[in-house]
Amino acid sequence: MEARHYSRDDAGIMHCNLCNHHCRIADTKTGICGVRRSIRGQLIAETYGRVSSEAVDPIEKKPLYHFLPGTLSYSLGGVGCNFSCSHCQNWHISHASFDSIRQKTLSPEEGVKRAIASGSSSISWTYNEPTIWFEYTQDMARLAHQQGLKTVYVTNGYMTEDALTDLAPDLDAWRVDIKAFTEEFYHKVCRARLQPVLDTAIRAKELGLHIEVVHLMIPGLNDSPEETGRLISWVIDNLGQDTPVHFTRFHPDFQMQETPATPIRTLERAFHLAKEKGLRYPYLGNVPGHEYEQTWCPHCNNLLIGRSGYTVGPIHLHHGKCAHCGKETGIITYI
């Protein structure tokens, strides 16, 4: 499939404008993602219709807590990534090359059919970075909307604002990782930059997408109270105080096997700091059964959504309003 969002200069070099690396790609070569290749004057999306991972997940696994709670999401992953995170938990697909792991062919039409048959309310592109799968996800998303399904990106947020603007009419939820709140972390750990992630998140908000933020807290790297406070303040100021933020526990993996798991007290400190600053919906992630998985009404303090891991209930909402006090919560409960 010919790629979208690229140009060609007079020297025949492809300029990929899909993500904020803005790769310049010579003939036969790929960009940083490893799956967008220059071939005889065109940029080709090599993984179009090629799937490495397929599952039917609770929407809470994404995690999305304020978007169709208690429903299933048909979930697909591909190959490759435009980041090189040292702690990646899906490294076996995100760090794989196009021809190094087994993939199956799945057309956009068949993907939508399988989503409907699974009883899912949405399709999520996840497990590896969906931005580099842009053409495939956009085509499937258009078909999904025609069939009444919602659509979700689980993303590192490095898509360009122009590409997101193109995709937004076919997308409903933008579940974005803000991996740290320093450029140093992004440079050393992810081989990327922080500012484009923030700029694209603001654009997603402007475009009306549902946004939830995940912040994986890694001991000694991005977990100081000062950095956490700056992140919280930025979310409130730019995305709004009703934006769910998931402070998530790190577990050793990939090239960070020696780094310890995040102490739960660190996550609890972030939760309380978020509450103090006025963030209405902070959560803890990767701590099943913790009390801070629950959703409470910010107006009357009654329980809105009970959770334990991926088990959801009871849900005290009526068309997004608190069943106790009747006020809006911003939670999307129906298609």
C-alpha atoms as a PDB file:
ATOM      1  CA  MET A   1       0.000   0.000   0.000  1.00  0.00           C
ATOM      2  CA  GLU A   2       1.339   3.455  -0.883  1.00  0.00           C
ATOM      3  CA  ALA A   3       1.856   5.463   2.273  1.00  0.00           C
ATOM      4  CA  ARG A   4       0.033   8.680   3.108  1.00  0.00           C
ATOM      5  CA  HIS A   5       1.603  11.844   4.475  1.00  0.00           C
ATOM      6  CA  TYR A   6       4.883  11.927   2.611  1.00  0.00           C
ATOM      7  CA  SER A   7       6.598  13.972  -0.086  1.00  0.00           C
ATOM      8  CA  ARG A   8       9.530  13.456  -2.457  1.00  0.00           C
ATOM      9  CA  ASP A   9      12.340  15.932  -3.072  1.00  0.00           C
ATOM     10  CA  ASP A  10      14.242  16.573  -6.301  1.00  0.00           C
ATOM     11  CA  ALA A  11      16.931  14.089  -5.304  1.00  0.00           C
ATOM     12  CA  GLY A  12      14.376  11.304  -4.985  1.00  0.00           C
ATOM     13  CA  ILE A  13      14.518  11.212  -1.184  1.00  0.00           C
ATOM     14  CA  MET A  14      11.225  10.456   0.565  1.00  0.00           C
ATOM     15  CA  HIS A  15      10.194  12.788   3.365  1.00  0.00           C
ATOM     16  CA  CYS A  16       7.847  10.988   5.742  1.00  0.00           C
ATOM     17  CA  ASN A  17       5.527  13.445   7.476  1.00  0.00           C
ATOM     18  CA  LEU A  18       3.545  10.934   9.509  1.00  0.00           C
ATOM     19  CA  CYS A  19       5.383  11.199  12.814  1.00  0.00           C
ATOM     20  CA  ASN A  20       7.602  13.808  14.376  1.00  0.00           C
ATOM     21  CA  HIS A  21      10.849  12.114  13.427  1.00  0.00           C
ATOM     22  CA  HIS A  22      10.212  13.440   9.879  1.00  0.00           C
ATOM     23  CA  CYS A  23      12.492  10.746   8.432  1.00  0.00           C
ATOM     24  CA  ARG A  24      14.288  11.320   5.135  1.00  0.00           C
ATOM     25  CA  ILE A  25      14.350   7.922   3.433  1.00  0.00           C
ATOM     26  CA  ALA A  26      16.598   6.904   0.534  1.00  0.00           C
ATOM     27  CA  ASP A  27      15.567   4.276  -2.023  1.00  0.00           C
ATOM     28  CA  THR A  28      15.212   0.747  -0.547  1.00  0.00           C
ATOM     29  CA  LYS A  29      15.593   2.088   3.008  1.00  0.00           C
ATOM     30  CA  THR A  30      13.049   2.474   5.808  1.00  0.00           C
ATOM     31  CA  GLY A  31      12.409   5.162   8.349  1.00  0.00           C
ATOM     32  CA  ILE A  32      13.080   4.773  12.070  1.00  0.00           C
ATOM     33  CA  CYS A  33       9.892   2.713  12.401  1.00  0.00           C
ATOM     34  CA  GLY A  34      11.290   0.025  10.105  1.00  0.00           C
ATOM     35  CA  VAL A  35       8.035  -0.488   8.194  1.00  0.00           C
ATOM     36  CA  ARG A  36       7.733   2.478   5.818  1.00  0.00           C
ATOM     37  CA  ARG A  37      10.073   1.887   2.893  1.00  0.00           C
ATOM     38  CA  SER A  38      11.132   3.896  -0.133  1.00  0.00           C
ATOM     39  CA  ILE A  39      10.682   1.789  -3.273  1.00  0.00           C
ATOM     40  CA  ARG A  40      11.194   3.190  -6.788  1.00  0.00           C
ATOM     41  CA  GLY A  41       9.879   6.682  -6.102  1.00  0.00           C
ATOM     42  CA  GLN A  42       7.104   5.814  -3.642  1.00  0.00           C
ATOM     43  CA  LEU A  43       6.895   5.429   0.107  1.00  0.00           C
ATOM     44  CA  ILE A  44       5.299   2.056   0.861  1.00  0.00           C
ATOM     45  CA  ALA A  45       3.493   1.036   4.061  1.00  0.00           C
ATOM     46  CA  GLU A  46       4.843  -2.518   4.243  1.00  0.00           C
ATOM     47  CA  THR A  47       2.665  -3.726   7.134  1.00  0.00           C
ATOM     48  CA  TYR A  48      -0.702  -2.750   5.636  1.00  0.00           C
ATOM     49  CA  GLY A  49      -3.093  -5.615   6.402  1.00  0.00           C
ATOM     50  CA  ARG A  50      -0.465  -7.566   8.337  1.00  0.00           C
ATOM     51  CA  VAL A  51      -1.345  -8.416  11.950  1.00  0.00           C
ATOM     52  CA  SER A  52       0.926  -9.841  14.648  1.00  0.00           C
ATOM     53  CA  SER A  53      -1.530  -9.756  17.560  1.00  0.00           C
ATOM     54  CA  GLU A  54      -5.298 -10.109  17.846  1.00  0.00           C
ATOM     55  CA  ALA A  55      -7.407 -10.249  21.021  1.00  0.00           C
ATOM     56  CA  VAL A  56     -10.713  -9.228  22.540  1.00  0.00           C
ATOM     57  CA  ASP A  57      -9.870  -7.182  25.626  1.00  0.00           C
ATOM     58  CA  PRO A  58     -11.817  -5.348  28.298  1.00  0.00           C
ATOM     59  CA  ILE A  59     -11.606  -1.658  27.403  1.00  0.00           C
ATOM     60  CA  GLU A  60     -10.090  -1.150  30.863  1.00  0.00           C
ATOM     61  CA  LYS A  61      -6.966  -3.003  29.697  1.00  0.00           C
ATOM     62  CA  LYS A  62      -6.010  -0.167  27.334  1.00  0.00           C
ATOM     63  CA  PRO A  63      -6.440   1.404  29.964  1.00  0.00           C
ATOM     64  CA  LEU A  64      -9.527   3.488  29.259  1.00  0.00           C
ATOM     65  CA  TYR A  65     -11.674   4.106  32.336  1.00  0.00           C
ATOM     66  CA  HIS A  66     -13.992   6.836  31.024  1.00  0.00           C
ATOM     67  CA  PHE A  67     -14.743   5.410  27.584  1.00  0.00           C
ATOM     68  CA  LEU A  68     -17.439   2.737  27.306  1.00  0.00           C
ATOM     69  CA  PRO A  69     -16.666   1.216  30.733  1.00  0.00           C
ATOM     70  CA  GLY A  70     -17.416  -2.469  31.077  1.00  0.00           C
ATOM     71  CA  THR A  71     -17.330  -3.134  27.319  1.00  0.00           C
ATOM     72  CA  LEU A  72     -15.041  -5.188  25.107  1.00  0.00           C
ATOM     73  CA  SER A  73     -12.610  -3.819  22.541  1.00  0.00           C
ATOM     74  CA  TYR A  74     -11.407  -5.831  19.539  1.00  0.00           C
ATOM     75  CA  SER A  75      -7.657  -5.230  19.654  1.00  0.00           C
ATOM     76  CA  LEU A  76      -5.011  -5.491  16.948  1.00  0.00           C
ATOM     77  CA  GLY A  77      -1.253  -5.068  16.873  1.00  0.00           C
ATOM     78  CA  GLY A  78       1.297  -4.997  14.101  1.00  0.00           C
ATOM     79  CA  VAL A  79       5.089  -4.820  13.948  1.00  0.00           C
ATOM     80  CA  GLY A  80       7.587  -2.060  14.657  1.00  0.00           C
ATOM     81  CA  CYS A  81       7.676   1.251  16.492  1.00  0.00           C
ATOM     82  CA  ASN A  82       8.948   4.777  16.045  1.00  0.00           C
ATOM     83  CA  PHE A  83      10.318   4.778  19.624  1.00  0.00           C
ATOM     84  CA  SER A  84      13.134   2.645  21.044  1.00  0.00           C
ATOM     85  CA  CYS A  85      12.080   2.455  24.697  1.00  0.00           C
ATOM     86  CA  SER A  86      14.468   0.504  26.895  1.00  0.00           C
ATOM     87  CA  HIS A  87      11.622  -0.715  29.109  1.00  0.00           C
ATOM     88  CA  CYS A  88       9.177  -1.827  26.390  1.00  0.00           C
ATOM     89  CA  GLN A  89       6.943  -4.683  27.547  1.00  0.00           C
ATOM     90  CA  ASN A  90       5.918  -5.601  23.986  1.00  0.00           C
ATOM     91  CA  TRP A  91       9.462  -5.504  22.641  1.00  0.00           C
ATOM     92  CA  HIS A  92       9.051  -8.825  20.823  1.00  0.00           C
ATOM     93  CA  ILE A  93       6.766  -7.099  18.292  1.00  0.00           C
ATOM     94  CA  SER A  94       7.690  -3.417  18.622  1.00  0.00           C
ATOM     95  CA  HIS A  95      11.400  -4.073  18.129  1.00  0.00           C
ATOM     96  CA  ALA A  96      10.867  -6.730  15.468  1.00  0.00           C
ATOM     97  CA  SER A  97      11.539  -6.222  11.780  1.00  0.00           C
ATOM     98  CA  PHE A  98       8.849  -6.729   9.159  1.00  0.00           C
ATOM     99  CA  ASP A  99       9.984 -10.222   8.185  1.00  0.00           C
ATOM    100  CA  SER A 100      11.300 -11.470  11.541  1.00  0.00           C
ATOM    101  CA  ILE A 101       8.048 -12.626  13.157  1.00  0.00           C
ATOM    102  CA  ARG A 102       4.957 -14.430  11.977  1.00  0.00           C
ATOM    103  CA  GLN A 103       2.058 -12.250  10.850  1.00  0.00           C
ATOM    104  CA  LYS A 104      -1.290 -13.001   9.299  1.00  0.00           C
ATOM    105  CA  THR A 105      -3.210 -11.115   6.643  1.00  0.00           C
ATOM    106  CA  LEU A 106      -6.360  -9.356   7.790  1.00  0.00           C
ATOM    107  CA  SER A 107      -8.202  -6.881   5.578  1.00  0.00           C
ATOM    108  CA  PRO A 108      -9.925  -3.825   7.093  1.00  0.00           C
ATOM    109  CA  GLU A 109     -13.276  -5.329   6.078  1.00  0.00           C
ATOM    110  CA  GLU A 110     -12.550  -8.636   7.805  1.00  0.00           C
ATOM    111  CA  GLY A 111     -11.262  -6.842  10.898  1.00  0.00           C
ATOM    112  CA  VAL A 112     -14.554  -4.984  11.287  1.00  0.00           C
ATOM    113  CA  LYS A 113     -16.509  -8.216  10.780  1.00  0.00           C
ATOM    114  CA  ARG A 114     -14.455  -9.943  13.462  1.00  0.00           C
ATOM    115  CA  ALA A 115     -14.948  -7.030  15.842  1.00  0.00           C
ATOM    116  CA  ILE A 116     -18.730  -7.206  15.437  1.00  0.00           C
ATOM    117  CA  ALA A 117     -18.759 -10.992  15.826  1.00  0.00           C
ATOM    118  CA  SER A 118     -16.757 -10.707  19.061  1.00  0.00           C
ATOM    119  CA  GLY A 119     -19.405  -8.540  20.688  1.00  0.00           C
ATOM    120  CA  SER A 120     -17.003  -5.623  20.989  1.00  0.00           C
ATOM    121  CA  SER A 121     -18.137  -2.004  21.110  1.00  0.00           C
ATOM    122  CA  SER A 122     -14.871  -0.653  19.713  1.00  0.00           C
ATOM    123  CA  ILE A 123     -11.700  -1.449  17.805  1.00  0.00           C
ATOM    124  CA  SER A 124      -8.354  -0.603  19.424  1.00  0.00           C
ATOM    125  CA  TRP A 125      -5.012  -0.455  17.645  1.00  0.00           C
ATOM    126  CA  THR A 126      -2.531  -1.255  20.357  1.00  0.00           C
ATOM    127  CA  TYR A 127       0.340  -3.531  21.517  1.00  0.00           C
ATOM    128  CA  ASN A 128       2.774  -1.683  19.232  1.00  0.00           C
ATOM    129  CA  GLU A 129       2.612   1.921  17.996  1.00  0.00           C
ATOM    130  CA  PRO A 130      -0.426   2.344  15.698  1.00  0.00           C
ATOM    131  CA  THR A 131       0.845   5.576  14.116  1.00  0.00           C
ATOM    132  CA  ILE A 132       3.170   3.611  11.823  1.00  0.00           C
ATOM    133  CA  TRP A 133       0.121   1.535  10.742  1.00  0.00           C
ATOM    134  CA  PHE A 134      -1.692   4.717   9.755  1.00  0.00           C
ATOM    135  CA  GLU A 135      -3.187   3.723   6.401  1.00  0.00           C
ATOM    136  CA  TYR A 136      -4.504   0.388   7.661  1.00  0.00           C
ATOM    137  CA  THR A 137      -6.000   1.842  10.831  1.00  0.00           C
ATOM    138  CA  GLN A 138      -7.591   4.752   8.978  1.00  0.00           C
ATOM    139  CA  ASP A 139      -9.236   2.486   6.416  1.00  0.00           C
ATOM    140  CA  MET A 140     -10.528   0.122   9.105  1.00  0.00           C
ATOM    141  CA  ALA A 141     -11.703   3.008  11.291  1.00  0.00           C
ATOM    142  CA  ARG A 142     -13.856   4.420   8.485  1.00  0.00           C
ATOM    143  CA  LEU A 143     -15.522   1.046   8.021  1.00  0.00           C
ATOM    144  CA  ALA A 144     -15.904   0.625  11.792  1.00  0.00           C
ATOM    145  CA  HIS A 145     -17.772   3.923  12.108  1.00  0.00           C
ATOM    146  CA  GLN A 146     -20.127   2.862   9.331  1.00  0.00           C
ATOM    147  CA  GLN A 147     -20.997  -0.194  11.426  1.00  0.00           C
ATOM    148  CA  GLY A 148     -21.471   1.753  14.669  1.00  0.00           C
ATOM    149  CA  LEU A 149     -18.175   0.783  16.305  1.00  0.00           C
ATOM    150  CA  LYS A 150     -15.989   3.263  18.167  1.00  0.00           C
ATOM    151  CA  THR A 151     -12.251   3.485  17.490  1.00  0.00           C
ATOM    152  CA  VAL A 152      -9.242   3.787  19.805  1.00  0.00           C
ATOM    153  CA  TYR A 153      -5.540   4.587  19.423  1.00  0.00           C
ATOM    154  CA  VAL A 154      -3.244   3.386  22.213  1.00  0.00           C
ATOM    155  CA  THR A 155      -0.292   5.561  21.303  1.00  0.00           C
ATOM    156  CA  ASN A 156       2.965   7.198  22.269  1.00  0.00           C
ATOM    157  CA  GLY A 157       1.536  10.398  20.822  1.00  0.00           C
ATOM    158  CA  TYR A 158       4.298  11.086  18.282  1.00  0.00           C
ATOM    159  CA  MET A 159       2.014  11.475  15.268  1.00  0.00           C
ATOM    160  CA  THR A 160       2.259  14.857  13.558  1.00  0.00           C
ATOM    161  CA  GLU A 161      -0.597  17.281  14.103  1.00  0.00           C
ATOM    162  CA  ASP A 162      -1.396  17.245  10.368  1.00  0.00           C
ATOM    163  CA  ALA A 163      -1.700  13.456  10.293  1.00  0.00           C
ATOM    164  CA  LEU A 164      -3.856  13.473  13.430  1.00  0.00           C
ATOM    165  CA  THR A 165      -6.124  16.093  11.908  1.00  0.00           C
ATOM    166  CA  ASP A 166      -6.575  13.778   8.904  1.00  0.00           C
ATOM    167  CA  LEU A 167      -7.318  10.765  11.129  1.00  0.00           C
ATOM    168  CA  ALA A 168      -9.516  12.471  13.728  1.00  0.00           C
ATOM    169  CA  PRO A 169     -12.888  12.179  11.911  1.00  0.00           C
ATOM    170  CA  ASP A 170     -12.463   8.401  12.051  1.00  0.00           C
ATOM    171  CA  LEU A 171     -11.095   8.201  15.606  1.00  0.00           C
ATOM    172  CA  ASP A 172     -12.853   8.479  18.970  1.00  0.00           C
ATOM    173  CA  ALA A 173     -10.295   7.946  21.734  1.00  0.00           C
ATOM    174  CA  TRP A 174      -6.628   8.923  22.074  1.00  0.00           C
ATOM    175  CA  ARG A 175      -5.058   6.943  24.940  1.00  0.00           C
ATOM    176  CA  VAL A 176      -1.642   8.546  25.115  1.00  0.00           C
ATOM    177  CA  ASP A 177       1.500   7.753  27.060  1.00  0.00           C
ATOM    178  CA  ILE A 178       3.321  10.713  28.532  1.00  0.00           C
ATOM    179  CA  LYS A 179       6.356   8.710  29.481  1.00  0.00           C
ATOM    180  CA  ALA A 180       8.104  11.434  31.456  1.00  0.00           C
ATOM    181  CA  PHE A 181       8.088  15.189  31.757  1.00  0.00           C
ATOM    182  CA  THR A 182      11.692  15.876  30.767  1.00  0.00           C
ATOM    183  CA  GLU A 183      13.344  16.004  27.383  1.00  0.00           C
ATOM    184  CA  GLU A 184      16.323  14.154  28.879  1.00  0.00           C
ATOM    185  CA  PHE A 185      14.233  11.045  29.583  1.00  0.00           C
ATOM    186  CA  TYR A 186      12.707  11.045  26.098  1.00  0.00           C
ATOM    187  CA  HIS A 187      16.129  11.432  24.507  1.00  0.00           C
ATOM    188  CA  LYS A 188      17.903   8.761  26.548  1.00  0.00           C
ATOM    189  CA  VAL A 189      15.165   6.180  27.065  1.00  0.00           C
ATOM    190  CA  CYS A 190      12.869   6.577  24.029  1.00  0.00           C
ATOM    191  CA  ARG A 191      15.131   8.184  21.391  1.00  0.00           C
ATOM    192  CA  ALA A 192      12.482  10.836  20.851  1.00  0.00           C
ATOM    193  CA  ARG A 193      11.319  14.233  22.163  1.00  0.00           C
ATOM    194  CA  LEU A 194       8.694  15.248  24.704  1.00  0.00           C
ATOM    195  CA  GLN A 195       7.365  18.468  23.181  1.00  0.00           C
ATOM    196  CA  PRO A 196       5.780  16.915  20.058  1.00  0.00           C
ATOM    197  CA  VAL A 197       3.859  14.495  22.314  1.00  0.00           C
ATOM    198  CA  LEU A 198       2.458  17.416  24.290  1.00  0.00           C
ATOM    199  CA  ASP A 199       1.626  19.421  21.162  1.00  0.00           C
ATOM    200  CA  THR A 200      -0.226  16.505  19.560  1.00  0.00           C
ATOM    201  CA  ALA A 201      -2.157  15.805  22.765  1.00  0.00           C
ATOM    202  CA  ILE A 202      -3.373  19.413  22.740  1.00  0.00           C
ATOM    203  CA  ARG A 203      -4.381  18.983  19.101  1.00  0.00           C
ATOM    204  CA  ALA A 204      -6.288  15.793  19.982  1.00  0.00           C
ATOM    205  CA  LYS A 205      -8.178  17.771  22.617  1.00  0.00           C
ATOM    206  CA  GLU A 206      -8.981  20.518  20.097  1.00  0.00           C
ATOM    207  CA  LEU A 207     -10.275  17.892  17.664  1.00  0.00           C
ATOM    208  CA  GLY A 208     -12.708  16.561  20.248  1.00  0.00           C
ATOM    209  CA  LEU A 209     -11.135  13.171  20.891  1.00  0.00           C
ATOM    210  CA  HIS A 210     -11.593  11.468  24.233  1.00  0.00           C
ATOM    211  CA  ILE A 211      -8.180  11.583  25.955  1.00  0.00           C
ATOM    212  CA  GLU A 212      -6.731   9.546  28.785  1.00  0.00           C
ATOM    213  CA  VAL A 213      -3.088   9.768  29.864  1.00  0.00           C
ATOM    214  CA  VAL A 214      -0.850   6.972  31.122  1.00  0.00           C
ATOM    215  CA  HIS A 215       2.309   7.848  33.040  1.00  0.00           C
ATOM    216  CA  LEU A 216       4.473   4.800  33.768  1.00  0.00           C
ATOM    217  CA  MET A 217       6.522   5.692  36.852  1.00  0.00           C
ATOM    218  CA  ILE A 218      10.042   4.211  36.721  1.00  0.00           C
ATOM    219  CA  PRO A 219      12.085   4.404  39.953  1.00  0.00           C
ATOM    220  CA  GLY A 220      14.905   6.914  39.734  1.00  0.00           C
ATOM    221  CA  LEU A 221      14.102   8.003  36.168  1.00  0.00           C
ATOM    222  CA  ASN A 222      10.792   9.895  36.091  1.00  0.00           C
ATOM    223  CA  ASP A 223       9.199   9.537  39.527  1.00  0.00           C
ATOM    224  CA  SER A 224      10.315  12.604  41.484  1.00  0.00           C
ATOM    225  CA  PRO A 225       7.548  14.667  43.129  1.00  0.00           C
ATOM    226  CA  GLU A 226       8.743  17.745  41.230  1.00  0.00           C
ATOM    227  CA  GLU A 227       8.461  16.099  37.812  1.00  0.00           C
ATOM    228  CA  THR A 228       5.133  14.485  38.705  1.00  0.00           C
ATOM    229  CA  GLY A 229       3.811  17.872  39.803  1.00  0.00           C
ATOM    230  CA  ARG A 230       4.811  19.513  36.524  1.00  0.00           C
ATOM    231  CA  LEU A 231       3.089  16.758  34.547  1.00  0.00           C
ATOM    232  CA  ILE A 232      -0.120  17.089  36.560  1.00  0.00           C
ATOM    233  CA  SER A 233      -0.161  20.880  36.187  1.00  0.00           C
ATOM    234  CA  TRP A 234       0.370  20.590  32.435  1.00  0.00           C
ATOM    235  CA  VAL A 235      -2.526  18.144  32.064  1.00  0.00           C
ATOM    236  CA  ILE A 236      -4.876  20.379  34.055  1.00  0.00           C
ATOM    237  CA  ASP A 237      -3.859  23.514  32.141  1.00  0.00           C
ATOM    238  CA  ASN A 238      -3.905  21.975  28.647  1.00  0.00           C
ATOM    239  CA  LEU A 239      -6.217  18.950  28.651  1.00  0.00           C
ATOM    240  CA  GLY A 240      -8.510  19.814  31.542  1.00  0.00           C
ATOM    241  CA  GLN A 241      -9.030  18.756  35.137  1.00  0.00           C
ATOM    242  CA  ASP A 242     -11.456  15.989  34.095  1.00  0.00           C
ATOM    243  CA  THR A 243      -8.768  14.166  32.071  1.00  0.00           C
ATOM    244  CA  PRO A 244      -8.123  10.701  33.541  1.00  0.00           C
ATOM    245  CA  VAL A 245      -4.437  10.178  34.366  1.00  0.00           C
ATOM    246  CA  HIS A 246      -3.233   6.646  35.137  1.00  0.00           C
ATOM    247  CA  PHE A 247      -0.108   6.559  37.320  1.00  0.00           C
ATOM    248  CA  THR A 248       1.108   3.097  36.418  1.00  0.00           C
ATOM    249  CA  ARG A 249       3.468   0.691  38.127  1.00  0.00           C
ATOM    250  CA  PHE A 250       6.656  -0.261  36.292  1.00  0.00           C
ATOM    251  CA  HIS A 251       7.763  -3.906  36.217  1.00  0.00           C
ATOM    252  CA  PRO A 252      11.285  -4.882  35.064  1.00  0.00           C
ATOM    253  CA  ASP A 253      11.406  -5.882  31.400  1.00  0.00           C
ATOM    254  CA  PHE A 254      13.482  -5.845  28.207  1.00  0.00           C
ATOM    255  CA  GLN A 255      16.646  -3.739  28.775  1.00  0.00           C
ATOM    256  CA  MET A 256      15.609  -2.604  32.276  1.00  0.00           C
ATOM    257  CA  GLN A 257      15.690  -5.946  34.045  1.00  0.00           C
ATOM    258  CA  GLU A 258      17.748  -4.533  36.921  1.00  0.00           C
ATOM    259  CA  THR A 259      15.413  -1.620  37.657  1.00  0.00           C
ATOM    260  CA  PRO A 260      13.068  -2.438  40.553  1.00  0.00           C
ATOM    261  CA  ALA A 261       9.296  -2.302  40.352  1.00  0.00           C
ATOM    262  CA  THR A 262       7.707   0.973  41.356  1.00  0.00           C
ATOM    263  CA  PRO A 263       6.920   1.130  45.091  1.00  0.00           C
ATOM    264  CA  ILE A 264       3.178   1.450  45.583  1.00  0.00           C
ATOM    265  CA  ARG A 265       3.778   4.376  47.932  1.00  0.00           C
ATOM    266  CA  THR A 266       5.292   6.304  44.987  1.00  0.00           C
ATOM    267  CA  LEU A 267       2.097   5.801  42.998  1.00  0.00           C
ATOM    268  CA  GLU A 268      -0.039   6.767  45.989  1.00  0.00           C
ATOM    269  CA  ARG A 269       2.014   9.929  46.438  1.00  0.00           C
ATOM    270  CA  ALA A 270       1.340  10.848  42.802  1.00  0.00           C
ATOM    271  CA  PHE A 271      -2.374  10.171  43.287  1.00  0.00           C
ATOM    272  CA  HIS A 272      -2.607  12.462  46.309  1.00  0.00           C
ATOM    273  CA  LEU A 273      -0.546  15.173  44.613  1.00  0.00           C
ATOM    274  CA  ALA A 274      -2.898  15.054  41.626  1.00  0.00           C
ATOM    275  CA  LYS A 275      -5.914  15.410  43.903  1.00  0.00           C
ATOM    276  CA  GLU A 276      -4.310  18.338  45.737  1.00  0.00           C
ATOM    277  CA  LYS A 277      -3.643  20.128  42.451  1.00  0.00           C
ATOM    278  CA  GLY A 278      -7.260  19.698  41.325  1.00  0.00           C
ATOM    279  CA  LEU A 279      -7.114  16.734  38.938  1.00  0.00           C
ATOM    280  CA  ARG A 280     -10.483  15.057  39.369  1.00  0.00           C
ATOM    281  CA  TYR A 281      -9.747  11.584  38.040  1.00  0.00           C
ATOM    282  CA  PRO A 282      -6.295  10.205  38.912  1.00  0.00           C
ATOM    283  CA  TYR A 283      -5.907   6.419  38.999  1.00  0.00           C
ATOM    284  CA  LEU A 284      -3.297   3.815  39.826  1.00  0.00           C
ATOM    285  CA  GLY A 285      -2.424   1.221  37.207  1.00  0.00           C
ATOM    286  CA  ASN A 286      -0.864  -2.258  37.366  1.00  0.00           C
ATOM    287  CA  VAL A 287      -1.956  -2.537  41.009  1.00  0.00           C
ATOM    288  CA  PRO A 288      -5.031  -4.818  40.795  1.00  0.00           C
ATOM    289  CA  GLY A 289      -7.477  -4.452  43.644  1.00  0.00           C
ATOM    290  CA  HIS A 290      -6.141  -1.109  44.885  1.00  0.00           C
ATOM    291  CA  GLU A 291      -8.793   1.315  46.127  1.00  0.00           C
ATOM    292  CA  TYR A 292      -7.531   4.012  43.741  1.00  0.00           C
ATOM    293  CA  GLU A 293      -8.846   2.056  40.743  1.00  0.00           C
ATOM    294  CA  GLN A 294     -12.374   3.204  41.575  1.00  0.00           C
ATOM    295  CA  THR A 295     -14.137   6.213  40.053  1.00  0.00           C
ATOM    296  CA  TRP A 296     -15.870   8.587  42.466  1.00  0.00           C
ATOM    297  CA  CYS A 297     -18.157  11.473  41.582  1.00  0.00           C
ATOM    298  CA  PRO A 298     -16.224  14.739  41.963  1.00  0.00           C
ATOM    299  CA  HIS A 299     -19.482  16.508  42.842  1.00  0.00           C
ATOM    300  CA  CYS A 300     -21.117  14.297  45.481  1.00  0.00           C
ATOM    301  CA  ASN A 301     -18.289  11.819  46.285  1.00  0.00           C
ATOM    302  CA  ASN A 302     -20.451   8.762  45.662  1.00  0.00           C
ATOM    303  CA  LEU A 303     -19.136   5.742  43.758  1.00  0.00           C
ATOM    304  CA  LEU A 304     -19.519   5.990  39.976  1.00  0.00           C
ATOM    305  CA  ILE A 305     -17.624   2.890  38.804  1.00  0.00           C
ATOM    306  CA  GLY A 306     -16.278   0.054  40.912  1.00  0.00           C
ATOM    307  CA  ARG A 307     -13.209  -1.824  39.621  1.00  0.00           C
ATOM    308  CA  SER A 308     -10.859  -4.601  40.599  1.00  0.00           C
ATOM    309  CA  GLY A 309      -8.347  -5.182  37.841  1.00  0.00           C
ATOM    310  CA  TYR A 310     -10.404  -5.689  34.683  1.00  0.00           C
ATOM    311  CA  THR A 311     -13.553  -6.601  36.605  1.00  0.00           C
ATOM    312  CA  VAL A 312     -15.987  -3.684  36.484  1.00  0.00           C
ATOM    313  CA  GLY A 313     -19.076  -2.966  38.551  1.00  0.00           C
ATOM    314  CA  PRO A 314     -21.230  -1.621  39.871  1.00  0.00           C
ATOM    315  CA  ILE A 315     -21.667   1.317  37.483  1.00  0.00           C
ATOM    316  CA  HIS A 316     -23.757   4.178  38.868  1.00  0.00           C
ATOM    317  CA  LEU A 317     -24.086   6.273  35.711  1.00  0.00           C
ATOM    318  CA  HIS A 318     -26.972   7.270  33.473  1.00  0.00           C
ATOM    319  CA  HIS A 319     -25.944   8.591  30.059  1.00  0.00           C
ATOM    320  CA  GLY A 320     -22.725   9.938  31.511  1.00  0.00           C
ATOM    321  CA  LYS A 321     -24.358  11.569  34.527  1.00  0.00           C
ATOM    322  CA  CYS A 322     -23.912  10.555  38.144  1.00  0.00           C
ATOM    323  CA  ALA A 323     -26.849   8.354  39.191  1.00  0.00           C
ATOM    324  CA  HIS A 324     -26.710   9.907  42.660  1.00  0.00           C
ATOM    325  CA  CYS A 325     -26.540  13.680  42.041  1.00  0.00           C
ATOM    326  CA  GLY A 326     -27.379  13.878  38.320  1.00  0.00           C
ATOM    327  CA  LYS A 327     -24.332  15.951  37.343  1.00  0.00           C
ATOM    328  CA  GLU A 328     -22.213  15.425  34.259  1.00  0.00           C
ATOM    329  CA  THR A 329     -19.076  13.360  34.719  1.00  0.00           C
ATOM    330  CA  GLY A 330     -17.523  13.413  31.240  1.00  0.00           C
ATOM    331  CA  ILE A 331     -17.596   9.598  31.113  1.00  0.00           C
ATOM    332  CA  ILE A 332     -18.718   8.139  27.777  1.00  0.00           C
ATOM    333  CA  THR A 333     -21.027   5.249  28.643  1.00  0.00           C
ATOM    334  CA  TYR A 334     -22.753   4.425  25.358  1.00  0.00           C
ATOM    335  CA  ILE A 335     -22.159   4.387  21.594  1.00  0.00           C
END
